[in-house]
Amino acid sequence: MTIWPKDNTAAKNAFYGNFKAPNWGNQFLIRIFAPYVMYYDKKPCTSGILVNKMCAPGMMAAFSEIWEACDHDQKKVDKTGASDYGGCYNPRPIRGSSNPSNHSWACAIDLAPATNGFNMKGTIPPLVVQAFKRQGARWGGDYKRKDSMHFEFVSP
């Protein structure tokens, strides 16, 4: 398992590249495709998910584990919320802060946003949470300010 960078700007810039640098996107962003259909706003994500190449293997491993646990059945995956994509790369500040969100480095992903909003109890099942945690991702459902849709590839 990869050792993810500390959750601070210097460590993320060293590992994921500086998202503010010219040409950063060409160097670090790639498109990945889960082994099942992912949906954004209830439409299939036919162009894949734009992620940082450094965390792409971890995301793909989590997606593959979910696919296996759901017996390669799209309907079972859909019931977990793991196919309901809410976003990854989005250069913006953390809500209520001036610090950049981990989405700015494309090392965070949101799943099932409609039922896992900020400070909501959340509906993401343990199967999905554990698949990401086994790859070293942190889950927003464990945070003081709950963000159950959010998974990020950084270390505390």
C-alpha atoms as a PDB file:
ATOM      1  CA  MET A   1       0.000   0.000   0.000  1.00  0.00           C
ATOM      2  CA  THR A   2       1.209   3.482  -0.849  1.00  0.00           C
ATOM      3  CA  ILE A   3       2.172   5.852   1.960  1.00  0.00           C
ATOM      4  CA  TRP A   4       0.121   8.965   1.247  1.00  0.00           C
ATOM      5  CA  PRO A   5       1.461  12.459   1.892  1.00  0.00           C
ATOM      6  CA  LYS A   6       0.633  14.368   5.050  1.00  0.00           C
ATOM      7  CA  ASP A   7      -2.436  16.558   4.722  1.00  0.00           C
ATOM      8  CA  ASN A   8      -0.531  19.831   4.338  1.00  0.00           C
ATOM      9  CA  THR A   9       0.218  21.918   1.260  1.00  0.00           C
ATOM     10  CA  ALA A  10       3.984  21.317   1.187  1.00  0.00           C
ATOM     11  CA  ALA A  11       3.647  17.523   1.438  1.00  0.00           C
ATOM     12  CA  LYS A  12       0.837  17.364  -1.128  1.00  0.00           C
ATOM     13  CA  ASN A  13       2.768  19.610  -3.543  1.00  0.00           C
ATOM     14  CA  ALA A  14       5.824  17.363  -3.190  1.00  0.00           C
ATOM     15  CA  PHE A  15       3.818  14.171  -3.814  1.00  0.00           C
ATOM     16  CA  TYR A  16       0.936  15.256  -6.086  1.00  0.00           C
ATOM     17  CA  GLY A  17       2.596  18.269  -7.717  1.00  0.00           C
ATOM     18  CA  ASN A  18       1.612  21.905  -7.298  1.00  0.00           C
ATOM     19  CA  PHE A  19      -1.822  22.238  -8.900  1.00  0.00           C
ATOM     20  CA  LYS A  20      -1.157  25.976  -9.392  1.00  0.00           C
ATOM     21  CA  ALA A  21       1.937  25.323 -11.538  1.00  0.00           C
ATOM     22  CA  PRO A  22       1.742  25.770 -15.292  1.00  0.00           C
ATOM     23  CA  ASN A  23       1.258  22.477 -17.112  1.00  0.00           C
ATOM     24  CA  TRP A  24       0.461  20.654 -13.841  1.00  0.00           C
ATOM     25  CA  GLY A  25      -2.684  19.091 -15.312  1.00  0.00           C
ATOM     26  CA  ASN A  26      -0.787  17.650 -18.273  1.00  0.00           C
ATOM     27  CA  GLN A  27       1.759  16.099 -15.916  1.00  0.00           C
ATOM     28  CA  PHE A  28      -0.488  14.783 -13.133  1.00  0.00           C
ATOM     29  CA  LEU A  29      -4.104  14.344 -14.254  1.00  0.00           C
ATOM     30  CA  ILE A  30      -5.286  11.120 -15.876  1.00  0.00           C
ATOM     31  CA  ARG A  31      -8.673   9.554 -16.581  1.00  0.00           C
ATOM     32  CA  ILE A  32      -9.591   6.297 -14.897  1.00  0.00           C
ATOM     33  CA  PHE A  33     -12.531   3.993 -15.472  1.00  0.00           C
ATOM     34  CA  ALA A  34     -14.030   1.944 -12.653  1.00  0.00           C
ATOM     35  CA  PRO A  35     -14.815  -1.682 -13.568  1.00  0.00           C
ATOM     36  CA  TYR A  36     -18.497  -0.749 -13.274  1.00  0.00           C
ATOM     37  CA  VAL A  37     -20.501   2.131 -14.688  1.00  0.00           C
ATOM     38  CA  MET A  38     -20.109   5.374 -12.752  1.00  0.00           C
ATOM     39  CA  TYR A  39     -22.842   8.008 -12.942  1.00  0.00           C
ATOM     40  CA  TYR A  40     -22.614  11.759 -12.532  1.00  0.00           C
ATOM     41  CA  ASP A  41     -25.968  13.485 -12.107  1.00  0.00           C
ATOM     42  CA  LYS A  42     -27.607  10.156 -13.098  1.00  0.00           C
ATOM     43  CA  LYS A  43     -25.780  10.096 -16.453  1.00  0.00           C
ATOM     44  CA  PRO A  44     -22.997   7.595 -17.245  1.00  0.00           C
ATOM     45  CA  CYS A  45     -19.468   9.012 -16.942  1.00  0.00           C
ATOM     46  CA  THR A  46     -18.392   7.900 -20.392  1.00  0.00           C
ATOM     47  CA  SER A  47     -15.202   9.983 -20.286  1.00  0.00           C
ATOM     48  CA  GLY A  48     -14.012   8.494 -16.983  1.00  0.00           C
ATOM     49  CA  ILE A  49     -12.941  10.229 -13.792  1.00  0.00           C
ATOM     50  CA  LEU A  50     -10.179  12.834 -13.814  1.00  0.00           C
ATOM     51  CA  VAL A  51      -7.774  12.012 -10.947  1.00  0.00           C
ATOM     52  CA  ASN A  52      -4.179  12.582  -9.923  1.00  0.00           C
ATOM     53  CA  LYS A  53      -2.012   9.817 -11.402  1.00  0.00           C
ATOM     54  CA  MET A  54      -0.371   9.277  -8.010  1.00  0.00           C
ATOM     55  CA  CYS A  55      -3.597   8.105  -6.324  1.00  0.00           C
ATOM     56  CA  ALA A  56      -5.180   6.472  -9.400  1.00  0.00           C
ATOM     57  CA  PRO A  57      -3.931   2.959  -8.468  1.00  0.00           C
ATOM     58  CA  GLY A  58      -5.428   3.289  -4.966  1.00  0.00           C
ATOM     59  CA  MET A  59      -8.782   4.446  -6.320  1.00  0.00           C
ATOM     60  CA  MET A  60      -8.808   1.678  -8.916  1.00  0.00           C
ATOM     61  CA  ALA A  61      -7.990  -0.935  -6.263  1.00  0.00           C
ATOM     62  CA  ALA A  62     -10.909   0.308  -4.119  1.00  0.00           C
ATOM     63  CA  PHE A  63     -13.264   0.260  -7.127  1.00  0.00           C
ATOM     64  CA  SER A  64     -12.096  -3.262  -8.037  1.00  0.00           C
ATOM     65  CA  GLU A  65     -12.652  -4.489  -4.485  1.00  0.00           C
ATOM     66  CA  ILE A  66     -16.181  -3.074  -4.512  1.00  0.00           C
ATOM     67  CA  TRP A  67     -16.856  -4.702  -7.903  1.00  0.00           C
ATOM     68  CA  GLU A  68     -15.635  -8.076  -6.601  1.00  0.00           C
ATOM     69  CA  ALA A  69     -17.643  -7.791  -3.363  1.00  0.00           C
ATOM     70  CA  CYS A  70     -20.755  -7.037  -5.436  1.00  0.00           C
ATOM     71  CA  ASP A  71     -20.202 -10.145  -7.587  1.00  0.00           C
ATOM     72  CA  HIS A  72     -19.663  -8.050 -10.751  1.00  0.00           C
ATOM     73  CA  ASP A  73     -23.307  -6.946 -10.524  1.00  0.00           C
ATOM     74  CA  GLN A  74     -23.965  -3.304 -11.464  1.00  0.00           C
ATOM     75  CA  LYS A  75     -27.250  -3.229  -9.522  1.00  0.00           C
ATOM     76  CA  LYS A  76     -25.486  -4.318  -6.334  1.00  0.00           C
ATOM     77  CA  VAL A  77     -22.829  -1.645  -6.834  1.00  0.00           C
ATOM     78  CA  ASP A  78     -25.533   0.957  -7.440  1.00  0.00           C
ATOM     79  CA  LYS A  79     -27.151   0.027  -4.095  1.00  0.00           C
ATOM     80  CA  THR A  80     -23.874   0.794  -2.289  1.00  0.00           C
ATOM     81  CA  GLY A  81     -23.690   4.300  -3.771  1.00  0.00           C
ATOM     82  CA  ALA A  82     -20.193   3.578  -5.135  1.00  0.00           C
ATOM     83  CA  SER A  83     -21.346   4.243  -8.707  1.00  0.00           C
ATOM     84  CA  ASP A  84     -22.853   7.648  -7.850  1.00  0.00           C
ATOM     85  CA  TYR A  85     -19.919   9.931  -8.604  1.00  0.00           C
ATOM     86  CA  GLY A  86     -19.952  13.397  -7.042  1.00  0.00           C
ATOM     87  CA  GLY A  87     -16.587  14.735  -8.205  1.00  0.00           C
ATOM     88  CA  CYS A  88     -12.825  14.487  -7.868  1.00  0.00           C
ATOM     89  CA  TYR A  89     -10.727  17.213  -9.511  1.00  0.00           C
ATOM     90  CA  ASN A  90     -12.057  20.620  -8.530  1.00  0.00           C
ATOM     91  CA  PRO A  91      -9.574  23.365  -7.609  1.00  0.00           C
ATOM     92  CA  ARG A  92     -11.366  25.226  -4.832  1.00  0.00           C
ATOM     93  CA  PRO A  93     -11.005  26.095  -1.142  1.00  0.00           C
ATOM     94  CA  ILE A  94     -12.273  23.904   1.670  1.00  0.00           C
ATOM     95  CA  ARG A  95     -15.794  24.937   2.585  1.00  0.00           C
ATOM     96  CA  GLY A  96     -15.570  27.769   5.121  1.00  0.00           C
ATOM     97  CA  SER A  97     -11.802  28.187   4.658  1.00  0.00           C
ATOM     98  CA  SER A  98      -9.255  29.819   2.383  1.00  0.00           C
ATOM     99  CA  ASN A  99      -7.109  26.646   2.319  1.00  0.00           C
ATOM    100  CA  PRO A 100      -7.277  24.563  -0.866  1.00  0.00           C
ATOM    101  CA  SER A 101      -9.448  21.455  -0.808  1.00  0.00           C
ATOM    102  CA  ASN A 102      -7.827  18.087  -1.500  1.00  0.00           C
ATOM    103  CA  HIS A 103     -10.019  18.054  -4.599  1.00  0.00           C
ATOM    104  CA  SER A 104      -7.624  20.719  -5.920  1.00  0.00           C
ATOM    105  CA  TRP A 105      -4.894  18.062  -6.189  1.00  0.00           C
ATOM    106  CA  ALA A 106      -7.430  15.514  -7.554  1.00  0.00           C
ATOM    107  CA  CYS A 107      -6.640  13.197  -4.624  1.00  0.00           C
ATOM    108  CA  ALA A 108     -10.157  13.192  -3.145  1.00  0.00           C
ATOM    109  CA  ILE A 109     -13.381  11.717  -4.475  1.00  0.00           C
ATOM    110  CA  ASP A 110     -17.014  12.168  -3.469  1.00  0.00           C
ATOM    111  CA  LEU A 111     -19.532   9.335  -3.767  1.00  0.00           C
ATOM    112  CA  ALA A 112     -23.325   9.329  -3.377  1.00  0.00           C
ATOM    113  CA  PRO A 113     -23.534  13.084  -2.693  1.00  0.00           C
ATOM    114  CA  ALA A 114     -27.341  13.289  -2.518  1.00  0.00           C
ATOM    115  CA  THR A 115     -27.525  11.046   0.555  1.00  0.00           C
ATOM    116  CA  ASN A 116     -24.157  11.872   2.104  1.00  0.00           C
ATOM    117  CA  GLY A 117     -24.067  15.637   2.341  1.00  0.00           C
ATOM    118  CA  PHE A 118     -22.031  17.682   4.758  1.00  0.00           C
ATOM    119  CA  ASN A 119     -22.888  16.898   8.408  1.00  0.00           C
ATOM    120  CA  MET A 120     -25.411  14.226   7.358  1.00  0.00           C
ATOM    121  CA  LYS A 121     -25.437  10.764   8.948  1.00  0.00           C
ATOM    122  CA  GLY A 122     -24.661   9.259   5.553  1.00  0.00           C
ATOM    123  CA  THR A 123     -25.556   6.091   3.698  1.00  0.00           C
ATOM    124  CA  ILE A 124     -22.187   4.811   2.451  1.00  0.00           C
ATOM    125  CA  PRO A 125     -22.016   1.153   3.559  1.00  0.00           C
ATOM    126  CA  PRO A 126     -18.998  -0.382   5.320  1.00  0.00           C
ATOM    127  CA  LEU A 127     -18.129  -2.369   2.178  1.00  0.00           C
ATOM    128  CA  VAL A 128     -17.286   0.878   0.337  1.00  0.00           C
ATOM    129  CA  VAL A 129     -15.661   2.607   3.314  1.00  0.00           C
ATOM    130  CA  GLN A 130     -13.400  -0.383   4.014  1.00  0.00           C
ATOM    131  CA  ALA A 131     -12.414  -0.773   0.339  1.00  0.00           C
ATOM    132  CA  PHE A 132     -11.053   2.791   0.359  1.00  0.00           C
ATOM    133  CA  LYS A 133      -9.523   2.510   3.836  1.00  0.00           C
ATOM    134  CA  ARG A 134      -7.651  -0.639   2.796  1.00  0.00           C
ATOM    135  CA  GLN A 135      -5.929   1.566   0.212  1.00  0.00           C
ATOM    136  CA  GLY A 136      -4.987   4.055   2.934  1.00  0.00           C
ATOM    137  CA  ALA A 137      -7.661   6.618   2.083  1.00  0.00           C
ATOM    138  CA  ARG A 138      -9.226   8.684   4.837  1.00  0.00           C
ATOM    139  CA  TRP A 139     -13.028   8.825   5.047  1.00  0.00           C
ATOM    140  CA  GLY A 140     -14.897  12.037   5.764  1.00  0.00           C
ATOM    141  CA  GLY A 141     -17.464  10.105   7.823  1.00  0.00           C
ATOM    142  CA  ASP A 142     -14.789   9.741  10.510  1.00  0.00           C
ATOM    143  CA  TYR A 143     -14.175  13.490  10.755  1.00  0.00           C
ATOM    144  CA  LYS A 144     -15.495  15.796  13.452  1.00  0.00           C
ATOM    145  CA  ARG A 145     -17.318  17.739  10.717  1.00  0.00           C
ATOM    146  CA  LYS A 146     -18.894  14.723   8.973  1.00  0.00           C
ATOM    147  CA  ASP A 147     -18.511  14.529   5.194  1.00  0.00           C
ATOM    148  CA  SER A 148     -19.594  10.961   4.478  1.00  0.00           C
ATOM    149  CA  MET A 149     -19.360  11.246   0.689  1.00  0.00           C
ATOM    150  CA  HIS A 150     -15.662  12.200   0.867  1.00  0.00           C
ATOM    151  CA  PHE A 151     -12.601   9.935   0.548  1.00  0.00           C
ATOM    152  CA  GLU A 152      -9.087  11.385   0.322  1.00  0.00           C
ATOM    153  CA  PHE A 153      -5.658   9.941  -0.284  1.00  0.00           C
ATOM    154  CA  VAL A 154      -3.642  11.785   2.372  1.00  0.00           C
ATOM    155  CA  SER A 155      -2.361  10.823   5.813  1.00  0.00           C
ATOM    156  CA  PRO A 156      -3.216  12.667   9.025  1.00  0.00           C
END
